[in-house]
Amino acid sequence: MINNPILTGFNPDASLLRVNEDYYIATSTFEWFPGVQLYHSKDLANWEIIPHALQRTSQVDLRGNPSSGGIWAPSLSYDNGIFYLLYTDVKARKGVFKDLHNYLVTAESMNGPWSEPIALNGSGFDPYLFHNDDGTKWLLNMQWDFRDNHPRFGGILLQQYDSKEQRLIGSIKNIYGGTDIGVTEGPQIFKRDGYYYLLVAEGGTGINHAATLARSRQLAGPYETDPSYPIMTTRGAPDYPLQNAGHGMVVETQNGEWYMSHICSRPFPGTNLNPLGRETSLQRLRWTEDGWLRLDHEGRLPALDVPAPKLMPHSFLPLPEMDDFEDSLLGLQYQTLRVPAENTWMSLEERPGFLRIRGRESLNSWHHQSMVARRLQHFNCSIETRMDYEPEHFMHMAGLVFYYDEQDYFYLRVTRDGDNGIKLGVVYSNSGKYNENRNGELCVDGWPAYYLRAVVKQQVLQFYASPDGNRWETVGGELPMGVLSDEYGGKLGFTGVMIGLCAQDLNGTYKHADFDYFSYKAGSY
């Protein structure tokens, strides 16, 4: 059986692709670098992370991008020995305007290297490249419409792409306006039995999210909507364990079985708060006699477990629980905030066996933060690190952070409080309001090292600290994990909790902190 979600924690907008016996998924990474997280499988049930696609700032420069901007909804396709990856770089997302750029990169292997980007358009997000059986290629994306008295989601656009000239050509056609669910986006076209099938997301990425199918005998339409739309949704079922289900993409196995990847979230019971962010699940599909797709288990609610295809099991080494920072490169589980992991601010070689991070801008910055982070993927887990640090000023800080964005985070940090010595405590931001919990602060003058631990138990986060890794003290009180959620306080964010090792030097002198290891253990502690 396939147990959903297949990709836990912050893994939205999954683009699913099969090439021969290999399956690949690309997910959105927003403001985190490198861009576009990639996964590989041979059985659809077990997935391993492979190198991110966008490794260079020439492919995507995220400095200054707003939180939950950056890389939206990448899409994979393949034709004649070449992998194609399309993505949107969103530079502004608040208000009526969306400043965005759609790009295309290619590679001969999913492990890269990926090419320099080809600029496509900026009319809307969620680009997808369809390779027709006559050799032509076609770009689809939703139309963003900022005008008064017009729906913001203006339908699905189609335009031909010339791969030799590497540009769009011909007229732009609006081929599908969607249904009464509204908010039509996330297009995918595939062909079967003489029909062009258009799969779209509808309802927005929250509780009304859905996947809808339409079809036409002509690529440019008109498209007939499935009379029993949508294929899948959790709208109207607020207590179902998988919520916000939609934004699907389908694939046919080499044995003729059909599956759909899709977004979902697992909010805390009775709430819409989900600090793990939007995750990826997989559904088994079947075709009706009149040529429409349905969930194999009947109904529209996504299944928690679905039968796996009849394929050989995919074996691989999972990510390690403990990282001793012995390698010369960061592990694939890590990303950095908006900027590459460069020696100007971090190093795995200056002090072998340690990750050295040089402090730069504050946790509010959209430009030059010094943070190395990985996804929170479990409701119950323990995270630990050991840090060497000698702060000389209250402008020097370093430690362990649970980060959603600059508005919402919990930070266990070491700093110097003037003549009061070195202090270890929790600072946090709640909907942009900065707080210092002075009552729970520890005076740690003379500590030989700083062992930092965080324990997550469902809706509660508790920090701990130790001078030797044996004698532990609680730091601050219990913290509500729901604050670090995409819909907390009406935020409408798109990411999920990232657990980071970080340092700040607001004096601009690049004061460094050394981290000996990073341990992430799933389960109750």
Protein backbone atom coordinates (compact mmCIF):
# COMPACT_ATOMS: atom_id res chain seq x y z
CA MET A 1 0.00 0.00 0.00
CA ILE A 2 0.97 3.63 -0.50
CA ASN A 3 0.62 5.54 2.78
CA ASN A 4 -0.34 9.19 2.41
CA PRO A 5 1.20 11.66 2.49
CA ILE A 6 4.10 10.25 0.46
CA LEU A 7 6.19 13.45 0.94
CA THR A 8 5.71 14.81 4.45
CA GLY A 9 6.29 18.40 5.51
CA PHE A 10 6.44 21.43 3.19
CA ASN A 11 6.24 19.69 -0.22
CA PRO A 12 3.44 21.37 -2.20
CA ASP A 13 2.42 21.57 -5.87
CA ALA A 14 3.89 18.18 -6.78
CA SER A 15 4.55 17.73 -10.48
CA LEU A 16 4.62 13.98 -11.24
CA LEU A 17 6.47 12.53 -14.23
CA ARG A 18 7.27 9.02 -15.49
CA VAL A 19 10.14 8.33 -17.88
CA ASN A 20 10.32 4.62 -18.71
CA GLU A 21 10.61 2.88 -15.31
CA ASP A 22 11.55 5.98 -13.32
CA TYR A 23 9.19 8.36 -11.56
CA TYR A 24 10.01 11.91 -10.52
CA ILE A 25 8.35 14.62 -8.45
CA ALA A 26 9.17 18.33 -8.33
CA THR A 27 7.79 20.49 -5.50
CA SER A 28 7.69 24.21 -4.81
CA THR A 29 10.45 25.75 -2.68
CA PHE A 30 9.36 29.43 -2.61
CA GLU A 31 12.06 31.61 -0.94
CA TRP A 32 14.37 28.70 -0.08
CA PHE A 33 17.58 28.00 -2.02
CA PRO A 34 18.44 25.92 -4.02
CA GLY A 35 15.17 26.01 -5.92
CA VAL A 36 12.78 23.17 -6.83
CA GLN A 37 13.03 20.08 -4.64
CA LEU A 38 13.25 16.85 -6.66
CA TYR A 39 12.45 13.25 -5.76
CA HIS A 40 12.91 9.88 -7.50
CA SER A 41 11.07 6.57 -7.18
CA LYS A 42 10.57 3.33 -9.05
CA ASP A 43 7.43 2.14 -7.24
CA LEU A 44 5.50 5.37 -6.41
CA ALA A 45 5.49 4.40 -2.72
CA ASN A 46 9.09 5.07 -1.67
CA TRP A 47 10.78 8.33 -2.62
CA GLU A 48 14.34 9.58 -2.28
CA ILE A 49 15.48 13.16 -2.54
CA ILE A 50 17.85 13.96 -5.41
CA PRO A 51 19.75 17.23 -6.07
CA HIS A 52 17.65 20.37 -6.42
CA ALA A 53 17.27 21.71 -9.94
CA LEU A 54 18.10 25.40 -9.52
CA GLN A 55 21.58 25.49 -8.01
CA ARG A 56 22.83 28.84 -9.36
CA THR A 57 21.71 32.43 -8.85
CA SER A 58 21.82 32.82 -12.64
CA GLN A 59 18.88 30.39 -12.67
CA VAL A 60 17.00 32.08 -9.84
CA ASP A 61 17.95 35.02 -7.63
CA LEU A 62 15.69 35.09 -4.57
CA ARG A 63 17.21 38.05 -2.75
CA GLY A 64 14.43 40.47 -1.89
CA ASN A 65 11.66 38.04 -2.80
CA PRO A 66 8.75 38.17 -0.34
CA SER A 67 8.06 35.29 1.98
CA SER A 68 5.98 32.65 0.17
CA GLY A 69 7.06 34.30 -3.08
CA GLY A 70 9.90 32.89 -5.16
CA ILE A 71 9.48 29.48 -6.78
CA TRP A 72 5.84 28.54 -7.34
CA ALA A 73 4.49 25.31 -8.85
CA PRO A 74 7.32 23.85 -10.92
CA SER A 75 6.29 21.42 -13.65
CA LEU A 76 8.19 18.54 -15.21
CA SER A 77 7.89 17.06 -18.69
CA TYR A 78 10.05 14.95 -20.97
CA ASP A 79 10.51 14.63 -24.71
CA ASN A 80 13.07 12.93 -26.94
CA GLY A 81 15.79 12.50 -24.31
CA ILE A 82 15.38 15.94 -22.70
CA PHE A 83 13.85 16.81 -19.33
CA TYR A 84 11.97 20.10 -19.21
CA LEU A 85 11.33 22.03 -16.01
CA LEU A 86 9.15 25.14 -15.89
CA TYR A 87 8.81 27.37 -12.85
CA THR A 88 7.52 30.75 -11.76
CA ASP A 89 9.63 33.26 -9.83
CA VAL A 90 7.20 35.50 -7.92
CA LYS A 91 8.72 38.87 -7.03
CA ALA A 92 5.59 40.44 -5.51
CA ARG A 93 2.42 38.70 -4.30
CA LYS A 94 0.44 41.09 -2.07
CA GLY A 95 -2.38 43.28 -3.38
CA VAL A 96 -3.90 43.14 -6.86
CA PHE A 97 -0.63 42.79 -8.76
CA LYS A 98 1.54 39.73 -9.20
CA ASP A 99 5.03 40.54 -10.44
CA LEU A 100 6.20 37.18 -11.76
CA HIS A 101 8.41 35.57 -14.37
CA ASN A 102 8.00 32.14 -15.95
CA TYR A 103 11.14 30.28 -17.00
CA LEU A 104 12.19 27.04 -18.66
CA VAL A 105 15.34 25.00 -17.96
CA THR A 106 16.36 21.68 -19.50
CA ALA A 107 18.67 18.78 -18.69
CA GLU A 108 19.63 15.39 -20.05
CA SER A 109 19.39 13.89 -16.57
CA MET A 110 17.14 14.69 -13.61
CA ASN A 111 20.31 14.89 -11.54
CA GLY A 112 21.38 17.84 -13.68
CA PRO A 113 23.10 20.01 -14.48
CA TRP A 114 20.14 22.11 -15.56
CA SER A 115 20.57 24.77 -18.23
CA GLU A 116 20.46 28.51 -17.91
CA PRO A 117 16.84 29.70 -17.88
CA ILE A 118 14.82 30.74 -20.91
CA ALA A 119 12.38 33.55 -20.11
CA LEU A 120 8.85 32.72 -21.26
CA ASN A 121 6.22 35.20 -20.07
CA GLY A 122 4.71 36.91 -17.03
CA SER A 123 0.98 36.72 -17.66
CA GLY A 124 0.26 34.28 -14.85
CA PHE A 125 1.73 31.50 -12.73
CA ASP A 126 1.64 27.66 -12.87
CA PRO A 127 3.31 27.12 -16.27
CA TYR A 128 3.18 23.68 -17.91
CA LEU A 129 4.74 22.50 -21.19
CA PHE A 130 2.72 20.03 -23.28
CA HIS A 131 4.51 18.01 -25.98
CA ASN A 132 1.99 17.18 -28.69
CA ASP A 133 2.32 14.01 -30.76
CA ASP A 134 2.83 16.11 -33.91
CA GLY A 135 6.11 17.46 -32.48
CA THR A 136 4.82 20.87 -31.42
CA LYS A 137 5.18 22.18 -27.87
CA TRP A 138 2.67 24.31 -26.03
CA LEU A 139 2.87 26.46 -22.92
CA LEU A 140 -0.06 26.65 -20.54
CA ASN A 141 -0.44 28.95 -17.55
CA MET A 142 -3.24 30.63 -15.66
CA GLN A 143 -4.08 34.26 -16.49
CA TRP A 144 -3.72 36.73 -13.62
CA ASP A 145 -6.13 39.67 -14.04
CA PHE A 146 -5.63 42.66 -11.71
CA ARG A 147 -8.42 44.82 -13.21
CA ASP A 148 -11.41 45.99 -11.20
CA ASN A 149 -14.60 44.01 -11.74
CA HIS A 150 -12.69 41.06 -13.23
CA PRO A 151 -11.96 37.72 -11.59
CA ARG A 152 -8.31 37.57 -10.58
CA PHE A 153 -8.07 34.07 -12.04
CA GLY A 154 -8.85 34.73 -15.68
CA GLY A 155 -8.66 31.26 -17.21
CA ILE A 156 -6.03 28.99 -18.74
CA LEU A 157 -3.84 30.40 -21.52
CA LEU A 158 -2.25 28.41 -24.37
CA GLN A 159 0.60 29.51 -26.64
CA GLN A 160 3.05 27.61 -28.83
CA TYR A 161 6.70 27.29 -27.83
CA ASP A 162 9.40 27.05 -30.49
CA SER A 163 12.24 24.96 -29.02
CA LYS A 164 14.67 25.88 -31.83
CA GLU A 165 14.19 29.62 -31.38
CA GLN A 166 13.66 29.16 -27.64
CA ARG A 167 10.72 31.53 -27.49
CA LEU A 168 6.94 31.65 -27.57
CA ILE A 169 5.35 32.16 -30.97
CA GLY A 170 1.87 32.68 -32.37
CA SER A 171 -1.30 33.90 -30.77
CA ILE A 172 -2.34 33.44 -27.14
CA LYS A 173 -5.65 31.65 -26.60
CA ASN A 174 -7.71 31.45 -23.43
CA ILE A 175 -8.88 27.83 -23.64
CA TYR A 176 -10.72 27.25 -20.36
CA GLY A 177 -12.43 29.48 -17.84
CA GLY A 178 -13.05 26.86 -15.17
CA THR A 179 -16.20 26.00 -13.24
CA ASP A 180 -18.31 27.72 -10.61
CA ILE A 181 -15.76 26.56 -8.02
CA GLY A 182 -13.51 29.35 -9.35
CA VAL A 183 -9.81 30.12 -8.82
CA THR A 184 -8.80 28.00 -11.83
CA GLU A 185 -5.03 27.35 -12.00
CA GLY A 186 -2.41 24.57 -12.11
CA PRO A 187 -3.05 23.19 -15.65
CA GLN A 188 -1.81 19.89 -17.07
CA ILE A 189 -2.70 18.50 -20.51
CA PHE A 190 -2.37 14.86 -21.50
CA LYS A 191 -3.80 12.94 -24.44
CA ARG A 192 -5.81 9.68 -24.48
CA ASP A 193 -8.11 8.04 -27.04
CA GLY A 194 -8.22 11.11 -29.26
CA TYR A 195 -9.07 13.52 -26.44
CA TYR A 196 -6.94 16.26 -24.96
CA TYR A 197 -7.57 16.15 -21.22
CA LEU A 198 -7.04 19.31 -19.19
CA LEU A 199 -6.58 18.83 -15.46
CA VAL A 200 -6.78 22.01 -13.34
CA ALA A 201 -6.76 23.04 -9.72
CA GLU A 202 -9.70 25.07 -8.44
CA GLY A 203 -11.07 26.60 -5.27
CA GLY A 204 -7.84 28.13 -3.98
CA THR A 205 -5.22 26.34 -1.94
CA GLY A 206 -7.31 26.25 1.26
CA ILE A 207 -10.44 24.39 2.38
CA ASN A 208 -12.19 24.68 -1.01
CA HIS A 209 -9.30 23.24 -3.01
CA ALA A 210 -10.22 20.76 -5.74
CA ALA A 211 -9.03 18.97 -8.88
CA THR A 212 -11.25 19.28 -11.99
CA LEU A 213 -10.97 17.57 -15.38
CA ALA A 214 -12.13 18.79 -18.80
CA ARG A 215 -11.57 17.45 -22.34
CA SER A 216 -11.64 18.42 -25.99
CA ARG A 217 -10.99 16.85 -29.40
CA GLN A 218 -8.92 19.95 -30.23
CA LEU A 219 -5.94 21.21 -28.27
CA ALA A 220 -7.24 24.78 -28.30
CA GLY A 221 -10.73 23.70 -27.23
CA PRO A 222 -13.53 24.24 -26.58
CA TYR A 223 -13.19 22.08 -23.45
CA GLU A 224 -16.08 20.14 -21.95
CA THR A 225 -16.01 19.92 -18.15
CA ASP A 226 -16.45 16.53 -16.51
CA PRO A 227 -20.17 16.50 -15.62
CA SER A 228 -19.31 15.00 -12.20
CA TYR A 229 -16.63 17.55 -11.34
CA PRO A 230 -14.52 17.80 -9.30
CA ILE A 231 -12.52 14.57 -9.32
CA MET A 232 -11.30 15.23 -5.80
CA THR A 233 -11.90 17.69 -2.98
CA THR A 234 -12.22 17.83 0.80
CA ARG A 235 -14.53 20.84 0.79
CA GLY A 236 -17.49 20.13 3.05
CA ALA A 237 -15.55 17.55 5.09
CA PRO A 238 -13.71 19.67 7.68
CA ASP A 239 -12.96 16.74 9.99
CA TYR A 240 -11.31 14.55 7.36
CA PRO A 241 -7.60 13.87 8.17
CA LEU A 242 -6.35 15.10 4.77
CA GLN A 243 -7.52 18.64 4.05
CA ASN A 244 -7.03 21.20 1.24
CA ALA A 245 -6.73 18.47 -1.41
CA GLY A 246 -6.24 19.64 -4.98
CA HIS A 247 -3.65 20.76 -7.56
CA GLY A 248 -3.27 17.31 -9.10
CA MET A 249 -1.07 15.86 -11.82
CA VAL A 250 -1.63 12.43 -13.37
CA VAL A 251 0.67 9.74 -14.69
CA GLU A 252 0.17 6.36 -16.35
CA THR A 253 2.45 3.54 -15.18
CA GLN A 254 4.25 1.26 -17.60
CA ASN A 255 1.55 -1.32 -16.79
CA GLY A 256 -1.36 0.94 -17.68
CA GLU A 257 -2.33 1.98 -14.14
CA TRP A 258 -3.22 5.62 -13.42
CA TYR A 259 -2.25 7.73 -10.41
CA MET A 260 -2.54 11.39 -9.39
CA SER A 261 -0.22 13.37 -7.14
CA HIS A 262 -1.84 16.22 -5.23
CA ILE A 263 -1.52 18.78 -2.45
CA CYS A 264 -2.93 18.04 0.99
CA SER A 265 -2.46 19.23 4.55
CA ARG A 266 -2.96 17.69 7.97
CA PRO A 267 -4.20 20.43 10.32
CA PHE A 268 -4.50 19.97 14.04
CA PRO A 269 -7.99 18.61 14.88
CA GLY A 270 -10.63 21.31 15.05
CA THR A 271 -8.35 23.93 13.49
CA ASN A 272 -6.98 24.99 10.10
CA LEU A 273 -3.44 25.20 11.49
CA ASN A 274 -0.83 22.89 9.97
CA PRO A 275 2.83 23.69 10.77
CA LEU A 276 4.04 20.87 8.49
CA GLY A 277 2.69 22.89 5.58
CA ARG A 278 1.17 21.50 2.41
CA GLU A 279 2.33 17.98 1.67
CA THR A 280 2.14 15.56 -1.27
CA SER A 281 -0.19 12.55 -1.48
CA LEU A 282 -0.96 10.07 -4.24
CA GLN A 283 -4.29 8.65 -5.41
CA ARG A 284 -5.06 5.66 -7.59
CA LEU A 285 -7.44 6.46 -10.47
CA ARG A 286 -9.71 4.53 -12.80
CA TRP A 287 -11.37 5.40 -16.11
CA THR A 288 -15.14 5.31 -16.55
CA GLU A 289 -16.76 3.80 -19.62
CA ASP A 290 -17.51 7.28 -20.95
CA GLY A 291 -13.90 8.41 -20.61
CA TRP A 292 -13.59 10.32 -17.34
CA LEU A 293 -11.22 9.80 -14.45
CA ARG A 294 -12.44 8.89 -10.97
CA LEU A 295 -10.73 8.11 -7.68
CA ASP A 296 -10.36 4.35 -7.63
CA HIS A 297 -11.93 3.98 -4.17
CA GLU A 298 -15.07 5.94 -5.18
CA GLY A 299 -16.16 9.32 -3.88
CA ARG A 300 -14.19 12.56 -3.97
CA LEU A 301 -12.27 12.41 -0.69
CA PRO A 302 -8.58 11.47 -1.06
CA ALA A 303 -7.74 8.07 0.40
CA LEU A 304 -5.33 7.77 3.31
CA ASP A 305 -3.91 4.55 1.83
CA VAL A 306 -4.08 3.37 -1.78
CA PRO A 307 -2.93 0.19 -3.52
CA ALA A 308 0.57 0.54 -4.93
CA PRO A 309 1.17 -0.30 -8.59
CA LYS A 310 2.58 -3.69 -9.52
CA LEU A 311 6.18 -2.54 -9.69
CA MET A 312 9.44 -3.70 -8.14
CA PRO A 313 10.02 -2.06 -4.73
CA HIS A 314 12.32 0.95 -4.71
CA SER A 315 15.11 0.67 -2.14
CA PHE A 316 17.34 3.54 -1.05
CA LEU A 317 19.14 4.91 2.00
CA PRO A 318 16.93 7.33 3.96
CA LEU A 319 18.26 10.65 5.19
CA PRO A 320 20.39 10.19 8.31
CA GLU A 321 19.04 11.10 11.74
CA MET A 322 22.43 12.51 12.69
CA ASP A 323 24.59 14.80 10.56
CA ASP A 324 28.11 15.25 11.96
CA PHE A 325 29.05 17.76 9.25
CA GLU A 326 31.96 15.59 8.11
CA ASP A 327 31.23 16.08 4.38
CA SER A 328 32.46 19.02 2.33
CA LEU A 329 28.94 19.81 1.07
CA LEU A 330 25.63 20.27 2.83
CA GLY A 331 23.27 17.29 2.73
CA LEU A 332 20.33 17.31 0.32
CA GLN A 333 17.90 17.78 3.22
CA TYR A 334 19.12 21.35 3.78
CA GLN A 335 18.23 24.64 2.18
CA THR A 336 19.31 28.20 2.86
CA LEU A 337 17.15 31.28 2.98
CA ARG A 338 17.09 33.11 -0.38
CA VAL A 339 20.85 32.89 -0.96
CA PRO A 340 23.24 30.05 -1.88
CA ALA A 341 25.38 28.26 0.72
CA GLU A 342 28.60 30.09 -0.10
CA ASN A 343 31.91 30.42 1.73
CA THR A 344 31.28 34.13 2.23
CA TRP A 345 29.00 33.23 5.13
CA MET A 346 29.26 29.48 5.88
CA SER A 347 31.88 26.76 5.71
CA LEU A 348 32.28 23.05 6.34
CA GLU A 349 36.05 23.25 5.88
CA GLU A 350 37.36 26.08 8.08
CA ARG A 351 36.84 23.88 11.14
CA PRO A 352 36.58 20.26 9.99
CA GLY A 353 33.63 18.41 11.50
CA PHE A 354 31.72 21.63 12.17
CA LEU A 355 29.34 23.85 10.25
CA ARG A 356 30.60 27.41 10.65
CA ILE A 357 27.99 30.11 10.11
CA ARG A 358 28.97 33.78 10.00
CA GLY A 359 26.37 36.14 11.34
CA ARG A 360 24.82 38.64 8.97
CA GLU A 361 21.36 40.24 8.83
CA SER A 362 18.43 39.76 11.20
CA LEU A 363 15.65 37.19 10.99
CA ASN A 364 13.54 39.95 9.42
CA SER A 365 15.76 40.20 6.34
CA TRP A 366 14.69 39.29 2.80
CA HIS A 367 18.27 39.54 1.57
CA HIS A 368 21.30 38.17 3.43
CA GLN A 369 20.31 35.88 6.26
CA SER A 370 22.74 33.23 7.52
CA MET A 371 20.57 30.18 8.05
CA VAL A 372 20.88 26.48 7.16
CA ALA A 373 17.58 24.68 7.63
CA ARG A 374 15.62 21.49 7.00
CA ARG A 375 11.91 20.73 6.91
CA LEU A 376 9.81 19.74 9.91
CA GLN A 377 8.27 16.46 8.73
CA HIS A 378 6.69 14.93 11.84
CA PHE A 379 4.20 15.96 14.52
CA ASN A 380 6.40 14.34 17.18
CA CYS A 381 10.17 14.70 16.98
CA SER A 382 13.34 15.82 18.75
CA ILE A 383 16.01 18.11 17.28
CA GLU A 384 19.41 18.73 18.82
CA THR A 385 22.68 20.51 18.09
CA ARG A 386 25.88 21.53 19.89
CA MET A 387 27.13 25.06 19.34
CA ASP A 388 30.42 26.84 20.10
CA TYR A 389 29.92 30.59 20.21
CA GLU A 390 31.48 33.65 21.86
CA PRO A 391 29.12 36.62 21.48
CA GLU A 392 30.71 39.99 22.30
CA HIS A 393 27.66 42.23 22.00
CA PHE A 394 23.87 42.14 22.17
CA MET A 395 23.96 42.52 18.38
CA HIS A 396 25.49 39.02 18.19
CA MET A 397 23.05 36.07 18.27
CA ALA A 398 23.16 32.41 17.23
CA GLY A 399 21.21 29.25 17.87
CA LEU A 400 18.33 27.02 16.80
CA VAL A 401 15.23 28.48 15.16
CA PHE A 402 11.79 27.16 14.20
CA TYR A 403 11.06 29.47 11.29
CA TYR A 404 7.94 29.97 9.21
CA ASP A 405 8.85 33.44 7.96
CA GLU A 406 10.00 36.78 9.35
CA GLN A 407 6.57 37.32 10.89
CA ASP A 408 6.35 34.03 12.81
CA TYR A 409 9.24 32.13 14.41
CA PHE A 410 10.56 30.72 17.72
CA TYR A 411 14.28 31.21 18.31
CA LEU A 412 16.43 29.57 21.01
CA ARG A 413 19.45 31.85 20.92
CA VAL A 414 22.65 32.76 22.73
CA THR A 415 23.67 36.42 23.02
CA ARG A 416 25.57 38.80 25.29
CA ASP A 417 23.56 41.17 27.45
CA GLY A 418 26.17 43.84 28.16
CA ASP A 419 27.54 43.69 31.72
CA ASN A 420 24.96 41.00 32.57
CA GLY A 421 26.97 38.39 30.70
CA ILE A 422 26.02 35.72 28.20
CA LYS A 423 22.35 34.80 28.13
CA LEU A 424 20.51 31.88 26.57
CA GLY A 425 16.78 32.29 25.97
CA VAL A 426 13.85 32.21 23.60
CA VAL A 427 12.81 35.15 21.46
CA TYR A 428 9.90 34.92 19.10
CA SER A 429 7.76 36.76 16.62
CA ASN A 430 4.00 36.33 16.52
CA SER A 431 2.29 37.93 13.50
CA GLY A 432 5.21 40.34 13.28
CA LYS A 433 5.29 41.31 16.97
CA TYR A 434 8.74 40.65 18.47
CA ASN A 435 8.92 39.28 22.03
CA GLU A 436 11.67 38.41 24.51
CA ASN A 437 10.84 35.94 27.28
CA ARG A 438 13.23 37.31 29.90
CA ASN A 439 11.71 35.28 32.75
CA GLY A 440 12.81 32.01 31.17
CA GLU A 441 16.29 33.18 30.24
CA LEU A 442 19.41 31.39 31.53
CA CYS A 443 22.69 33.02 32.52
CA VAL A 444 25.29 30.80 30.83
CA ASP A 445 28.60 32.51 31.59
CA GLY A 446 31.26 29.83 31.80
CA TRP A 447 29.41 27.19 29.80
CA PRO A 448 32.02 25.33 27.71
CA ALA A 449 29.50 24.75 24.92
CA TYR A 450 25.82 25.20 24.21
CA TYR A 451 23.77 22.07 23.64
CA LEU A 452 20.40 23.09 22.23
CA ARG A 453 17.37 20.81 21.97
CA ALA A 454 13.79 21.19 20.77
CA VAL A 455 11.03 18.66 21.38
CA VAL A 456 7.83 18.81 19.33
CA LYS A 457 4.77 17.05 20.73
CA GLN A 458 1.88 17.68 18.36
CA GLN A 459 0.78 21.25 19.07
CA VAL A 460 3.50 22.04 21.61
CA LEU A 461 7.18 23.00 21.25
CA GLN A 462 9.58 22.99 24.20
CA PHE A 463 13.20 24.15 24.12
CA TYR A 464 16.01 22.78 26.32
CA ALA A 465 19.69 23.62 26.87
CA SER A 466 22.71 21.98 28.45
CA PRO A 467 26.39 22.85 29.00
CA ASP A 468 27.55 19.24 28.49
CA GLY A 469 24.78 17.26 26.77
CA ASN A 470 23.89 15.48 30.03
CA ARG A 471 22.31 18.01 32.39
CA TRP A 472 19.37 19.60 30.58
CA GLU A 473 17.25 22.58 31.61
CA THR A 474 14.02 23.81 30.08
CA VAL A 475 14.29 27.22 28.45
CA GLY A 476 11.09 29.24 28.44
CA GLY A 477 7.65 27.72 28.51
CA GLU A 478 5.70 25.60 26.07
CA LEU A 479 5.15 27.26 22.71
CA PRO A 480 2.15 26.81 20.36
CA MET A 481 3.19 25.21 17.09
CA GLY A 482 0.01 26.44 15.44
CA VAL A 483 1.56 29.92 15.25
CA LEU A 484 3.94 28.53 12.62
CA SER A 485 1.19 27.69 10.13
CA ASP A 486 0.24 28.92 6.69
CA GLU A 487 -3.19 30.21 7.75
CA TYR A 488 -2.34 31.50 11.23
CA GLY A 489 -3.86 34.92 11.73
CA GLY A 490 -5.10 34.96 8.13
CA LYS A 491 -1.51 34.81 6.84
CA LEU A 492 -2.09 32.85 3.59
CA GLY A 493 1.47 31.57 3.49
CA PHE A 494 2.53 28.65 1.32
CA THR A 495 5.55 27.07 3.00
CA GLY A 496 5.93 25.18 6.29
CA VAL A 497 8.17 25.07 9.34
CA MET A 498 11.90 25.03 8.61
CA ILE A 499 14.24 24.17 11.50
CA GLY A 500 17.38 26.23 11.16
CA LEU A 501 20.87 26.70 12.51
CA CYS A 502 21.57 30.40 12.23
CA ALA A 503 23.63 33.38 13.34
CA GLN A 504 23.16 37.14 13.24
CA ASP A 505 25.73 39.92 13.56
CA LEU A 506 23.90 43.21 13.33
CA ASN A 507 27.19 45.08 13.81
CA GLY A 508 28.31 43.80 10.42
CA THR A 509 31.48 42.09 11.68
CA TYR A 510 30.45 38.54 10.64
CA LYS A 511 30.83 36.98 14.10
CA HIS A 512 30.68 33.21 13.59
CA ALA A 513 29.10 30.28 15.41
CA ASP A 514 30.25 26.66 15.00
CA PHE A 515 27.75 23.78 15.01
CA ASP A 516 29.07 20.29 15.75
CA TYR A 517 26.08 18.26 14.57
CA PHE A 518 22.39 18.40 13.67
CA SER A 519 20.18 15.59 14.94
CA TYR A 520 16.56 15.09 13.80
CA LYS A 521 14.74 12.10 15.33
CA ALA A 522 11.10 11.31 14.60
CA GLY A 523 8.89 9.91 17.34
CA SER A 524 7.69 10.86 20.81
CA TYR A 525 10.27 11.96 23.40
